[in-house]
Amino acid sequence: MLERRVPQEGRMPVGFLLIGLYKLATAVLAVVLAVGLARVYRGDARASLEQLTRLVGLDPENSFVHPLLLRLAELGREQIRVVLAGLAGYAALHVVEGIGILRGKRWGEFLIVLASMSLLPVEVWEIARRGGPVRIAALIVNAGIVVYLIGRLGREGGVFRSTRSMIRGQSGSEPRNVRP
Protein backbone atom coordinates (compact mmCIF):
# COMPACT_ATOMS: atom_id res chain seq x y z
CA MET A 1 0.00 0.00 0.00
CA LEU A 2 2.88 2.41 0.66
CA GLU A 3 5.07 1.41 -2.27
CA ARG A 4 6.99 3.75 -4.51
CA ARG A 5 4.96 5.42 -7.26
CA VAL A 6 6.24 4.53 -10.71
CA PRO A 7 4.41 6.59 -13.31
CA GLN A 8 3.52 4.62 -16.43
CA GLU A 9 5.43 6.91 -18.76
CA GLY A 10 8.54 6.88 -16.51
CA ARG A 11 8.36 10.47 -15.27
CA MET A 12 6.84 12.25 -12.32
CA PRO A 13 3.42 13.86 -12.76
CA VAL A 14 3.69 17.65 -13.03
CA GLY A 15 1.28 18.03 -10.09
CA PHE A 16 3.63 16.04 -7.83
CA LEU A 17 6.59 18.14 -8.91
CA LEU A 18 4.72 21.40 -8.23
CA ILE A 19 3.43 20.24 -4.85
CA GLY A 20 6.86 18.96 -3.82
CA LEU A 21 8.60 22.19 -4.81
CA TYR A 22 5.87 24.23 -3.08
CA LYS A 23 6.35 22.23 0.14
CA LEU A 24 10.14 22.64 0.05
CA ALA A 25 9.86 26.37 -0.72
CA THR A 26 7.51 26.94 2.23
CA ALA A 27 9.90 24.97 4.44
CA VAL A 28 12.79 27.23 3.40
CA LEU A 29 10.65 30.33 4.06
CA ALA A 30 9.75 29.03 7.52
CA VAL A 31 13.42 28.45 8.35
CA VAL A 32 14.39 31.91 7.08
CA LEU A 33 11.59 33.47 9.14
CA ALA A 34 12.62 31.51 12.24
CA VAL A 35 16.26 32.55 11.89
CA GLY A 36 15.23 36.16 11.31
CA LEU A 37 12.95 36.18 14.36
CA ALA A 38 15.62 34.59 16.53
CA ARG A 39 18.08 37.30 15.51
CA VAL A 40 15.55 40.10 16.00
CA TYR A 41 14.69 39.01 19.53
CA ARG A 42 18.29 38.82 20.73
CA GLY A 43 18.42 42.58 21.17
CA ASP A 44 15.95 45.45 21.03
CA ALA A 45 13.07 43.81 19.21
CA ARG A 46 11.24 47.00 18.24
CA ALA A 47 14.30 48.70 16.74
CA SER A 48 15.34 45.50 14.95
CA LEU A 49 11.84 44.99 13.51
CA GLU A 50 11.70 48.58 12.27
CA GLN A 51 15.13 48.23 10.68
CA LEU A 52 14.12 44.94 9.05
CA THR A 53 10.90 46.51 7.78
CA ARG A 54 12.82 49.35 6.14
CA LEU A 55 15.36 46.87 4.74
CA VAL A 56 12.61 45.01 2.83
CA GLY A 57 11.22 48.30 1.52
CA LEU A 58 8.18 48.74 3.80
CA ASP A 59 7.17 51.79 5.79
CA PRO A 60 7.13 50.98 9.53
CA GLU A 61 4.48 53.69 10.01
CA ASN A 62 2.14 52.13 7.43
CA SER A 63 -1.36 51.53 8.85
CA PHE A 64 -1.03 47.78 8.24
CA VAL A 65 2.65 47.31 9.14
CA HIS A 66 2.77 49.46 12.29
CA PRO A 67 0.21 47.49 14.36
CA LEU A 68 1.90 44.26 13.28
CA LEU A 69 5.29 45.56 14.41
CA LEU A 70 3.84 46.63 17.76
CA ARG A 71 2.33 43.19 18.35
CA LEU A 72 5.56 41.46 17.41
CA ALA A 73 7.65 43.77 19.62
CA GLU A 74 5.43 42.96 22.63
CA LEU A 75 5.99 39.21 22.42
CA GLY A 76 7.79 37.78 25.41
CA ARG A 77 10.70 35.31 25.35
CA GLU A 78 8.44 32.31 26.03
CA GLN A 79 6.03 33.31 23.26
CA ILE A 80 8.95 33.66 20.85
CA ARG A 81 10.16 30.17 21.79
CA VAL A 82 6.70 28.79 21.02
CA VAL A 83 6.61 30.62 17.66
CA LEU A 84 10.11 29.37 16.79
CA ALA A 85 9.18 25.79 17.75
CA GLY A 86 6.05 26.05 15.60
CA LEU A 87 8.06 27.33 12.65
CA ALA A 88 10.62 24.53 13.10
CA GLY A 89 7.86 21.90 13.20
CA TYR A 90 6.17 23.44 10.15
CA ALA A 91 9.45 23.44 8.23
CA ALA A 92 10.24 19.84 9.21
CA LEU A 93 6.78 18.63 8.16
CA HIS A 94 7.02 20.40 4.80
CA VAL A 95 10.52 19.01 4.14
CA VAL A 96 9.30 15.47 4.83
CA GLU A 97 6.18 16.00 2.68
CA GLY A 98 8.17 17.57 -0.16
CA ILE A 99 10.87 14.91 -0.22
CA GLY A 100 8.29 12.15 0.09
CA ILE A 101 6.22 13.27 -2.88
CA LEU A 102 9.26 14.21 -5.02
CA ARG A 103 10.69 10.73 -4.45
CA GLY A 104 7.37 9.23 -5.52
CA LYS A 105 6.52 7.79 -2.11
CA ARG A 106 2.86 7.00 -1.50
CA TRP A 107 3.26 7.93 2.18
CA GLY A 108 4.23 11.43 1.03
CA GLU A 109 0.85 11.81 -0.63
CA PHE A 110 -1.00 10.48 2.41
CA LEU A 111 0.94 12.77 4.73
CA ILE A 112 0.19 15.83 2.61
CA VAL A 113 -3.50 14.94 2.40
CA LEU A 114 -3.79 14.38 6.16
CA ALA A 115 -1.82 17.50 7.13
CA SER A 116 -3.62 19.72 4.63
CA MET A 117 -7.07 18.39 5.53
CA SER A 118 -6.40 18.90 9.22
CA LEU A 119 -5.71 22.58 8.61
CA LEU A 120 -8.69 23.31 6.34
CA PRO A 121 -11.15 23.89 9.24
CA VAL A 122 -8.68 26.28 10.88
CA GLU A 123 -8.25 28.19 7.62
CA VAL A 124 -12.03 28.44 7.13
CA TRP A 125 -12.42 29.68 10.71
CA GLU A 126 -9.67 32.30 10.21
CA ILE A 127 -11.34 33.51 7.00
CA ALA A 128 -14.70 33.76 8.77
CA ARG A 129 -13.06 35.63 11.66
CA ARG A 130 -10.82 38.07 9.82
CA GLY A 131 -10.92 37.30 6.10
CA GLY A 132 -8.25 38.61 3.79
CA PRO A 133 -6.86 37.66 0.40
CA VAL A 134 -3.81 35.80 1.79
CA ARG A 135 -5.98 33.53 3.94
CA ILE A 136 -8.36 32.88 1.06
CA ALA A 137 -5.43 32.08 -1.26
CA ALA A 138 -3.95 29.67 1.32
CA LEU A 139 -7.31 27.91 1.62
CA ILE A 140 -7.66 27.61 -2.15
CA VAL A 141 -4.11 26.25 -2.59
CA ASN A 142 -4.44 23.71 0.25
CA ALA A 143 -7.92 22.59 -0.83
CA GLY A 144 -6.66 22.23 -4.41
CA ILE A 145 -3.74 20.07 -3.28
CA VAL A 146 -6.07 17.86 -1.22
CA VAL A 147 -8.56 17.44 -4.09
CA TYR A 148 -5.76 16.67 -6.57
CA LEU A 149 -4.09 14.08 -4.36
CA ILE A 150 -7.32 12.40 -3.27
CA GLY A 151 -8.30 12.19 -6.93
CA ARG A 152 -4.99 10.53 -7.79
CA LEU A 153 -5.19 8.18 -4.83
CA GLY A 154 -8.72 7.22 -5.85
CA ARG A 155 -7.82 6.63 -9.51
CA GLU A 156 -4.67 4.67 -8.77
CA GLY A 157 -5.93 2.48 -5.96
CA GLY A 158 -4.58 4.13 -2.83
CA VAL A 159 -6.86 3.91 0.17
CA PHE A 160 -9.81 3.43 -2.14
CA ARG A 161 -8.29 0.33 -3.75
CA SER A 162 -10.79 -1.18 -6.14
CA THR A 163 -12.28 -4.61 -5.60
CA ARG A 164 -11.43 -5.37 -9.22
CA SER A 165 -7.70 -5.36 -8.44
CA MET A 166 -8.33 -7.52 -5.37
CA ILE A 167 -10.29 -10.01 -7.51
CA ARG A 168 -7.44 -10.14 -10.02
CA GLY A 169 -5.16 -11.10 -7.14
CA GLN A 170 -2.94 -8.06 -6.90
CA SER A 171 -1.38 -7.82 -3.47
CA GLY A 172 -0.58 -4.53 -1.78
CA SER A 173 3.15 -5.06 -2.39
CA GLU A 174 2.88 -5.17 -6.19
CA PRO A 175 3.20 -1.99 -8.25
CA ARG A 176 -0.24 -0.66 -9.20
CA ASN A 177 0.67 0.14 -12.77
CA VAL A 178 1.60 -3.43 -13.69
CA ARG A 179 -1.26 -5.12 -15.55
CA PRO A 180 -1.56 -8.94 -15.30
C-alpha atoms as a PDB file:
ATOM      1  CA  MET A   1       0.000   0.000   0.000  1.00  0.00           C
ATOM      2  CA  LEU A   2       2.878   2.412   0.662  1.00  0.00           C
ATOM      3  CA  GLU A   3       5.071   1.407  -2.270  1.00  0.00           C
ATOM      4  CA  ARG A   4       6.990   3.749  -4.508  1.00  0.00           C
ATOM      5  CA  ARG A   5       4.960   5.420  -7.261  1.00  0.00           C
ATOM      6  CA  VAL A   6       6.237   4.526 -10.707  1.00  0.00           C
ATOM      7  CA  PRO A   7       4.409   6.588 -13.306  1.00  0.00           C
ATOM      8  CA  GLN A   8       3.523   4.619 -16.428  1.00  0.00           C
ATOM      9  CA  GLU A   9       5.430   6.907 -18.764  1.00  0.00           C
ATOM     10  CA  GLY A  10       8.538   6.885 -16.510  1.00  0.00           C
ATOM     11  CA  ARG A  11       8.357  10.469 -15.266  1.00  0.00           C
ATOM     12  CA  MET A  12       6.844  12.247 -12.324  1.00  0.00           C
ATOM     13  CA  PRO A  13       3.416  13.856 -12.761  1.00  0.00           C
ATOM     14  CA  VAL A  14       3.685  17.646 -13.027  1.00  0.00           C
ATOM     15  CA  GLY A  15       1.283  18.028 -10.091  1.00  0.00           C
ATOM     16  CA  PHE A  16       3.625  16.036  -7.829  1.00  0.00           C
ATOM     17  CA  LEU A  17       6.586  18.144  -8.906  1.00  0.00           C
ATOM     18  CA  LEU A  18       4.725  21.401  -8.231  1.00  0.00           C
ATOM     19  CA  ILE A  19       3.432  20.238  -4.854  1.00  0.00           C
ATOM     20  CA  GLY A  20       6.859  18.957  -3.820  1.00  0.00           C
ATOM     21  CA  LEU A  21       8.599  22.187  -4.809  1.00  0.00           C
ATOM     22  CA  TYR A  22       5.874  24.232  -3.076  1.00  0.00           C
ATOM     23  CA  LYS A  23       6.353  22.230   0.140  1.00  0.00           C
ATOM     24  CA  LEU A  24      10.141  22.640   0.046  1.00  0.00           C
ATOM     25  CA  ALA A  25       9.856  26.368  -0.721  1.00  0.00           C
ATOM     26  CA  THR A  26       7.508  26.940   2.232  1.00  0.00           C
ATOM     27  CA  ALA A  27       9.903  24.970   4.445  1.00  0.00           C
ATOM     28  CA  VAL A  28      12.785  27.235   3.401  1.00  0.00           C
ATOM     29  CA  LEU A  29      10.655  30.335   4.057  1.00  0.00           C
ATOM     30  CA  ALA A  30       9.748  29.031   7.520  1.00  0.00           C
ATOM     31  CA  VAL A  31      13.421  28.446   8.348  1.00  0.00           C
ATOM     32  CA  VAL A  32      14.390  31.911   7.082  1.00  0.00           C
ATOM     33  CA  LEU A  33      11.586  33.466   9.138  1.00  0.00           C
ATOM     34  CA  ALA A  34      12.618  31.507  12.243  1.00  0.00           C
ATOM     35  CA  VAL A  35      16.259  32.547  11.894  1.00  0.00           C
ATOM     36  CA  GLY A  36      15.234  36.162  11.314  1.00  0.00           C
ATOM     37  CA  LEU A  37      12.946  36.184  14.358  1.00  0.00           C
ATOM     38  CA  ALA A  38      15.619  34.588  16.531  1.00  0.00           C
ATOM     39  CA  ARG A  39      18.078  37.301  15.507  1.00  0.00           C
ATOM     40  CA  VAL A  40      15.553  40.096  16.004  1.00  0.00           C
ATOM     41  CA  TYR A  41      14.688  39.008  19.526  1.00  0.00           C
ATOM     42  CA  ARG A  42      18.291  38.824  20.734  1.00  0.00           C
ATOM     43  CA  GLY A  43      18.416  42.583  21.170  1.00  0.00           C
ATOM     44  CA  ASP A  44      15.946  45.450  21.032  1.00  0.00           C
ATOM     45  CA  ALA A  45      13.066  43.815  19.206  1.00  0.00           C
ATOM     46  CA  ARG A  46      11.238  46.995  18.241  1.00  0.00           C
ATOM     47  CA  ALA A  47      14.301  48.700  16.745  1.00  0.00           C
ATOM     48  CA  SER A  48      15.338  45.501  14.948  1.00  0.00           C
ATOM     49  CA  LEU A  49      11.842  44.988  13.513  1.00  0.00           C
ATOM     50  CA  GLU A  50      11.699  48.581  12.271  1.00  0.00           C
ATOM     51  CA  GLN A  51      15.133  48.228  10.683  1.00  0.00           C
ATOM     52  CA  LEU A  52      14.121  44.937   9.051  1.00  0.00           C
ATOM     53  CA  THR A  53      10.897  46.513   7.775  1.00  0.00           C
ATOM     54  CA  ARG A  54      12.823  49.346   6.142  1.00  0.00           C
ATOM     55  CA  LEU A  55      15.356  46.872   4.737  1.00  0.00           C
ATOM     56  CA  VAL A  56      12.611  45.012   2.828  1.00  0.00           C
ATOM     57  CA  GLY A  57      11.215  48.303   1.524  1.00  0.00           C
ATOM     58  CA  LEU A  58       8.183  48.737   3.798  1.00  0.00           C
ATOM     59  CA  ASP A  59       7.171  51.792   5.789  1.00  0.00           C
ATOM     60  CA  PRO A  60       7.131  50.985   9.534  1.00  0.00           C
ATOM     61  CA  GLU A  61       4.480  53.694  10.011  1.00  0.00           C
ATOM     62  CA  ASN A  62       2.136  52.133   7.430  1.00  0.00           C
ATOM     63  CA  SER A  63      -1.364  51.528   8.850  1.00  0.00           C
ATOM     64  CA  PHE A  64      -1.032  47.781   8.244  1.00  0.00           C
ATOM     65  CA  VAL A  65       2.646  47.307   9.139  1.00  0.00           C
ATOM     66  CA  HIS A  66       2.766  49.463  12.291  1.00  0.00           C
ATOM     67  CA  PRO A  67       0.213  47.486  14.364  1.00  0.00           C
ATOM     68  CA  LEU A  68       1.897  44.259  13.282  1.00  0.00           C
ATOM     69  CA  LEU A  69       5.290  45.561  14.414  1.00  0.00           C
ATOM     70  CA  LEU A  70       3.840  46.630  17.761  1.00  0.00           C
ATOM     71  CA  ARG A  71       2.328  43.195  18.346  1.00  0.00           C
ATOM     72  CA  LEU A  72       5.560  41.457  17.410  1.00  0.00           C
ATOM     73  CA  ALA A  73       7.646  43.769  19.618  1.00  0.00           C
ATOM     74  CA  GLU A  74       5.427  42.961  22.626  1.00  0.00           C
ATOM     75  CA  LEU A  75       5.990  39.208  22.421  1.00  0.00           C
ATOM     76  CA  GLY A  76       7.794  37.785  25.415  1.00  0.00           C
ATOM     77  CA  ARG A  77      10.697  35.313  25.349  1.00  0.00           C
ATOM     78  CA  GLU A  78       8.438  32.307  26.030  1.00  0.00           C
ATOM     79  CA  GLN A  79       6.026  33.308  23.255  1.00  0.00           C
ATOM     80  CA  ILE A  80       8.954  33.655  20.853  1.00  0.00           C
ATOM     81  CA  ARG A  81      10.162  30.172  21.786  1.00  0.00           C
ATOM     82  CA  VAL A  82       6.699  28.793  21.022  1.00  0.00           C
ATOM     83  CA  VAL A  83       6.606  30.619  17.657  1.00  0.00           C
ATOM     84  CA  LEU A  84      10.112  29.369  16.788  1.00  0.00           C
ATOM     85  CA  ALA A  85       9.184  25.793  17.751  1.00  0.00           C
ATOM     86  CA  GLY A  86       6.054  26.046  15.599  1.00  0.00           C
ATOM     87  CA  LEU A  87       8.062  27.327  12.646  1.00  0.00           C
ATOM     88  CA  ALA A  88      10.616  24.525  13.097  1.00  0.00           C
ATOM     89  CA  GLY A  89       7.857  21.902  13.196  1.00  0.00           C
ATOM     90  CA  TYR A  90       6.165  23.436  10.152  1.00  0.00           C
ATOM     91  CA  ALA A  91       9.450  23.444   8.233  1.00  0.00           C
ATOM     92  CA  ALA A  92      10.238  19.840   9.209  1.00  0.00           C
ATOM     93  CA  LEU A  93       6.784  18.627   8.160  1.00  0.00           C
ATOM     94  CA  HIS A  94       7.017  20.402   4.802  1.00  0.00           C
ATOM     95  CA  VAL A  95      10.518  19.014   4.140  1.00  0.00           C
ATOM     96  CA  VAL A  96       9.297  15.467   4.826  1.00  0.00           C
ATOM     97  CA  GLU A  97       6.175  16.001   2.682  1.00  0.00           C
ATOM     98  CA  GLY A  98       8.166  17.570  -0.162  1.00  0.00           C
ATOM     99  CA  ILE A  99      10.868  14.905  -0.223  1.00  0.00           C
ATOM    100  CA  GLY A 100       8.289  12.146   0.090  1.00  0.00           C
ATOM    101  CA  ILE A 101       6.225  13.271  -2.877  1.00  0.00           C
ATOM    102  CA  LEU A 102       9.256  14.209  -5.019  1.00  0.00           C
ATOM    103  CA  ARG A 103      10.693  10.733  -4.449  1.00  0.00           C
ATOM    104  CA  GLY A 104       7.368   9.235  -5.519  1.00  0.00           C
ATOM    105  CA  LYS A 105       6.517   7.788  -2.109  1.00  0.00           C
ATOM    106  CA  ARG A 106       2.864   7.000  -1.496  1.00  0.00           C
ATOM    107  CA  TRP A 107       3.261   7.931   2.185  1.00  0.00           C
ATOM    108  CA  GLY A 108       4.235  11.430   1.027  1.00  0.00           C
ATOM    109  CA  GLU A 109       0.845  11.808  -0.631  1.00  0.00           C
ATOM    110  CA  PHE A 110      -0.996  10.477   2.412  1.00  0.00           C
ATOM    111  CA  LEU A 111       0.945  12.775   4.734  1.00  0.00           C
ATOM    112  CA  ILE A 112       0.186  15.830   2.608  1.00  0.00           C
ATOM    113  CA  VAL A 113      -3.503  14.941   2.398  1.00  0.00           C
ATOM    114  CA  LEU A 114      -3.786  14.377   6.161  1.00  0.00           C
ATOM    115  CA  ALA A 115      -1.817  17.496   7.127  1.00  0.00           C
ATOM    116  CA  SER A 116      -3.618  19.720   4.634  1.00  0.00           C
ATOM    117  CA  MET A 117      -7.066  18.391   5.527  1.00  0.00           C
ATOM    118  CA  SER A 118      -6.404  18.895   9.222  1.00  0.00           C
ATOM    119  CA  LEU A 119      -5.709  22.581   8.607  1.00  0.00           C
ATOM    120  CA  LEU A 120      -8.688  23.306   6.336  1.00  0.00           C
ATOM    121  CA  PRO A 121     -11.152  23.885   9.242  1.00  0.00           C
ATOM    122  CA  VAL A 122      -8.679  26.281  10.876  1.00  0.00           C
ATOM    123  CA  GLU A 123      -8.254  28.192   7.618  1.00  0.00           C
ATOM    124  CA  VAL A 124     -12.034  28.445   7.126  1.00  0.00           C
ATOM    125  CA  TRP A 125     -12.417  29.680  10.710  1.00  0.00           C
ATOM    126  CA  GLU A 126      -9.670  32.300  10.206  1.00  0.00           C
ATOM    127  CA  ILE A 127     -11.343  33.514   7.001  1.00  0.00           C
ATOM    128  CA  ALA A 128     -14.700  33.764   8.775  1.00  0.00           C
ATOM    129  CA  ARG A 129     -13.061  35.627  11.656  1.00  0.00           C
ATOM    130  CA  ARG A 130     -10.816  38.067   9.816  1.00  0.00           C
ATOM    131  CA  GLY A 131     -10.924  37.297   6.101  1.00  0.00           C
ATOM    132  CA  GLY A 132      -8.253  38.608   3.791  1.00  0.00           C
ATOM    133  CA  PRO A 133      -6.860  37.656   0.396  1.00  0.00           C
ATOM    134  CA  VAL A 134      -3.813  35.802   1.792  1.00  0.00           C
ATOM    135  CA  ARG A 135      -5.980  33.529   3.944  1.00  0.00           C
ATOM    136  CA  ILE A 136      -8.355  32.879   1.056  1.00  0.00           C
ATOM    137  CA  ALA A 137      -5.426  32.080  -1.265  1.00  0.00           C
ATOM    138  CA  ALA A 138      -3.952  29.673   1.320  1.00  0.00           C
ATOM    139  CA  LEU A 139      -7.311  27.908   1.622  1.00  0.00           C
ATOM    140  CA  ILE A 140      -7.657  27.610  -2.154  1.00  0.00           C
ATOM    141  CA  VAL A 141      -4.110  26.248  -2.592  1.00  0.00           C
ATOM    142  CA  ASN A 142      -4.440  23.708   0.246  1.00  0.00           C
ATOM    143  CA  ALA A 143      -7.919  22.585  -0.829  1.00  0.00           C
ATOM    144  CA  GLY A 144      -6.663  22.228  -4.412  1.00  0.00           C
ATOM    145  CA  ILE A 145      -3.744  20.065  -3.283  1.00  0.00           C
ATOM    146  CA  VAL A 146      -6.073  17.861  -1.221  1.00  0.00           C
ATOM    147  CA  VAL A 147      -8.559  17.440  -4.092  1.00  0.00           C
ATOM    148  CA  TYR A 148      -5.762  16.673  -6.572  1.00  0.00           C
ATOM    149  CA  LEU A 149      -4.088  14.076  -4.364  1.00  0.00           C
ATOM    150  CA  ILE A 150      -7.321  12.403  -3.270  1.00  0.00           C
ATOM    151  CA  GLY A 151      -8.303  12.193  -6.933  1.00  0.00           C
ATOM    152  CA  ARG A 152      -4.992  10.533  -7.788  1.00  0.00           C
ATOM    153  CA  LEU A 153      -5.193   8.180  -4.833  1.00  0.00           C
ATOM    154  CA  GLY A 154      -8.717   7.223  -5.853  1.00  0.00           C
ATOM    155  CA  ARG A 155      -7.821   6.630  -9.513  1.00  0.00           C
ATOM    156  CA  GLU A 156      -4.667   4.672  -8.774  1.00  0.00           C
ATOM    157  CA  GLY A 157      -5.930   2.482  -5.956  1.00  0.00           C
ATOM    158  CA  GLY A 158      -4.578   4.134  -2.826  1.00  0.00           C
ATOM    159  CA  VAL A 159      -6.858   3.914   0.166  1.00  0.00           C
ATOM    160  CA  PHE A 160      -9.810   3.427  -2.136  1.00  0.00           C
ATOM    161  CA  ARG A 161      -8.286   0.331  -3.747  1.00  0.00           C
ATOM    162  CA  SER A 162     -10.786  -1.184  -6.139  1.00  0.00           C
ATOM    163  CA  THR A 163     -12.279  -4.610  -5.602  1.00  0.00           C
ATOM    164  CA  ARG A 164     -11.430  -5.369  -9.221  1.00  0.00           C
ATOM    165  CA  SER A 165      -7.704  -5.365  -8.436  1.00  0.00           C
ATOM    166  CA  MET A 166      -8.328  -7.524  -5.374  1.00  0.00           C
ATOM    167  CA  ILE A 167     -10.295 -10.009  -7.512  1.00  0.00           C
ATOM    168  CA  ARG A 168      -7.440 -10.136 -10.022  1.00  0.00           C
ATOM    169  CA  GLY A 169      -5.164 -11.097  -7.144  1.00  0.00           C
ATOM    170  CA  GLN A 170      -2.939  -8.062  -6.904  1.00  0.00           C
ATOM    171  CA  SER A 171      -1.382  -7.822  -3.472  1.00  0.00           C
ATOM    172  CA  GLY A 172      -0.583  -4.534  -1.785  1.00  0.00           C
ATOM    173  CA  SER A 173       3.149  -5.059  -2.393  1.00  0.00           C
ATOM    174  CA  GLU A 174       2.883  -5.170  -6.192  1.00  0.00           C
ATOM    175  CA  PRO A 175       3.198  -1.994  -8.246  1.00  0.00           C
ATOM    176  CA  ARG A 176      -0.236  -0.664  -9.197  1.00  0.00           C
ATOM    177  CA  ASN A 177       0.671   0.142 -12.772  1.00  0.00           C
ATOM    178  CA  VAL A 178       1.597  -3.434 -13.688  1.00  0.00           C
ATOM    179  CA  ARG A 179      -1.257  -5.124 -15.550  1.00  0.00           C
ATOM    180  CA  PRO A 180      -1.564  -8.942 -15.302  1.00  0.00           C
END
